[in-house]
Amino acid sequence: MATPGNPTALAQQARRAYAEGLLNGMPAVVQAIDQGARVLLSQVAEGSVTMKRRDAVQDLNTSRAFWLQGMTQMLRSAVRSGNVAMSKPGDLPLPAPRAGNMSLVDDDTIENEILSSRLALSVMDRASWEFTDLRARMNVLEGREELEANDVLRPHVLARVVITSWRAAGLTLEAWRTLHTVLHDEFSHFAEEGYHETNRWLMQRQVLPEVDLRPFIRRSRNSAWLASTNSSGGGFAQSGPHSMGGRGEVGEETRMLTHPAPLVRGSDHSSEVLGRLNRLIGRQLPEFAVTANQAPAASAGLNAAIAVAQQGIANRLATPAGGGGPSVAMSTPALLEELNQRKQVLKQAAATPVERATIEIVALLFQSILTEERIPATVRVWFARLQMPVLRVAVSEPDFFATVDHPARRLIDRMGACVMGFDATTRAVGDMLQKEIKRVVQVVEAYPDTGRRVFQTVLTEFERFLEHYFKNENEASRRGVSLAQQVEQRETMAIQYTIELRKMLNEMPVQEGVRDFLFQVWADVLAVTAVKEGVQGEAIKAMKRAAADLIWSASAKVSREERADVIRRLPPLLKSLRDGMEQAGVAADKQDEHIGKLNNSLAAAFTAKTAAIPHDRLVELMARLETLEELLPDAEDVEIDESLVLDLSGHESEELEVVGEGGSMPTPAMLSWAKELQVGGWYMLDYRSRNEAVQLSWQGLRKQLTLFVSPQGRGILFQKHRLASFLQAGLLVPAQDESLTVRATRDALEKLNGDPSRLLN
């Protein structure tokens, strides 16, 4: 590798040029955010959402100049020194020493920290490869292992600059949350461009040229990164022609095609994050990997300290605070302080460096979980009470850090996915979920020595609760679930009847028009009748007799007596056929069409152009029809797919929408992902000119049908291939791009990268 005589000076030159790019490009970013906010306001949304967007746009219009001024002032220091003066990325402010009137960190500070972390995470999601390559080049030039905590190159530093200036300009947290999609998108692309251009500039100077410059699609007209070399020599010289289209000039289709598929947020992504954590720990503490393979028991001193801490936390969160009501709703800063104090005591009781590192990692995970703003405050305390049981498992079962399917992780993720989107204004919903989470946590606390078994047990119980809850207790979903179950039962039985009718008529000379009517129409009539009236009722028997009469009537009639018999029996037969189709919801014009085709078949029978069916075969047919239900294939073996059920739209109603179109051809990976979706999770659905949050509330046999329910109680039903199609096209995306524990692991990684020594202290 060839580098200049003074590599440190080159690194500072690159860092200074990056900071100048931020400084010079920020006006264009603010303008793009203002335009994006106005586009967001123009989109159709619920009244309350539209009002929030309108307020946010007005506030931004009033204060954006002050916001830009604040960011400019903070970045000027970075141009001079390469650093931005602030606390270490990801660290919460330290609590003050204990005193008579101790003051906790205020909620506003915590909220700023949360928003800053989310923005930094968004930047890393977009630009992780570019940042990793740049960090490697800078560390080689400067002969260090890691960038300084306040280095302007760090995503957390940019995020702090943005958030601090936002609040200083008088802009609110509510306005940020309302516009966060636009804000995250613009700053993520802006930072990615900066990292890319800095890497390109360093590669031109032979700094780690073997680290390939990754393909890059420009999406911005922001030319800050392509400024000609300035007087200080820090700017980036344009090495060739670049087409810089405006942000709005890149079609959304291109954006979707170049964006990573949502599937990376599945188990593969989770495993990758856990792998990074274990590699980081292994570099600081090699014996951690050895310990993980041996899985030793926790030391007696630590076990005792965990028991004391668990009881102390339970008492702290269950007793009245200052006489003002139960502390179950104590503030997040108070929770964090309580757990931080417990952590210090536990570390003192630990017998080995591995135990101390485990305590630190679990504490970081729960610090992230407890600062997740979408978890209701009244539920956070129950997650807090899980920290000690999880620590006990993590110490004795180190695969907690190595596998994504550890039941403790899965339990936290399942509970988090359900409460991170529920409507807190609907007290019945909130209370029931909270009571079940409370019960789950108390069961885990009651069996401290059973390890992963108790987590697996309560996970199974929680999933059973969810099935019962959405079906019977949740006002928003139970009507939709009932309708979806009726659809599944009807479609399953229709397929069962179709399969058996095909077997019965396989060797029988039945006219083709009659055969099609029985398979495509009458099987559904039989299913509807069986669902509504029961499989042993008189109604279903009448429908079977109508099927037998139709088959007989359409066979060749060679004698005058047979023809007279057909004419006599035809009016009641046609009435039965119409009644059955009416009950099954067949439209009047479709009924006329089907009857017209059957009349043609019956006319052919009168001219003896069809085959005759022997009397004994007709008797056998009727006998089989009477016992048809006993012959039906097992419901679990029936596949509700497009080969047999071409259109479910007949089940549509005001309360239930059936998705019959849209999406793109799903890949096998998308079909597999569709099967992994779990009840209780929240998603954003783009369908019929609406983009709204929906909750997965029910899945049918073998997950062939899936029901989502909006907060207003409207059900949206998917067949599995259509569901995969929507996932493929990005029309259905998880409201959480990562599970709760994976996000917490990423946050922990950021903090440990910034200060690895905290593992050992």
Foldseek 3Di string as FASTA:
>chain_A
DDFDPQLLVVLLLLLLQLLQLCLQLVVVLLVQLLVVLVVVLPADDDPVLNVLSVVLSVLCVVQVVQLSVQLNVQSVVCNVPQFGDDDFFLDQDDFDDDDPDGDFDDPVSLLLNLQLVVLLVLLCLQAVLLLVLLQVLSCVSVVHDGDARGGPLRSSNSSNSNSVSCVVSVHDPSSCVSSVVSVSVSVSLSSNVSSLLSSVQVVVSVRPVVSDRDDDDAQALRCSQDDDQDPVRSHRDDPDDDDHDHNVVDDVVVVLVPDDALCCQDQVVLLVLLVVVVVLVCVVPVCLVVCLVVLDAFDPQLVVLLLVLLVVLVVQQADDDPPPDGCLLPDLSVLLVSLVVSLVVSLVSGDDLSLNLLSVLLNLLLNLLSSPPLAHSSQNSLVSSCSSLVSNLCSRNVCVSRHCVQLVNVQQLLLCQQRSDDDVVPPQVVVVSSVLSNVLSVQSSVCSPPHSVSSVVSSVVVQVVLLCCQCPPDPLRNVVVVLVVLLLQLLLQLVLQLVLVCVLCVPPFFDPLLNCCCNPPLSSLLSLCCSVPNPQDPLSLLSLVLNLLLRQLLAADDDPVNVVVSVVCVVVSLVNVVVSNVSSQNDPVVSVVSVVSSVVSNVCNDVNVTHHGDPVSSVVSSVCSSVVVVVGDDSLPDQPDCVRDVDSCSSDDPQEAEDNDDFAQFDPSLLVVLLVDGFSGWKFACPPSDTAIWGFRDADRSRQKTWTTGSNNRIYIYGSRVNSRCSRSVRIHTPDSHGSSSSSSVSSVSVCSNPVCSSRD
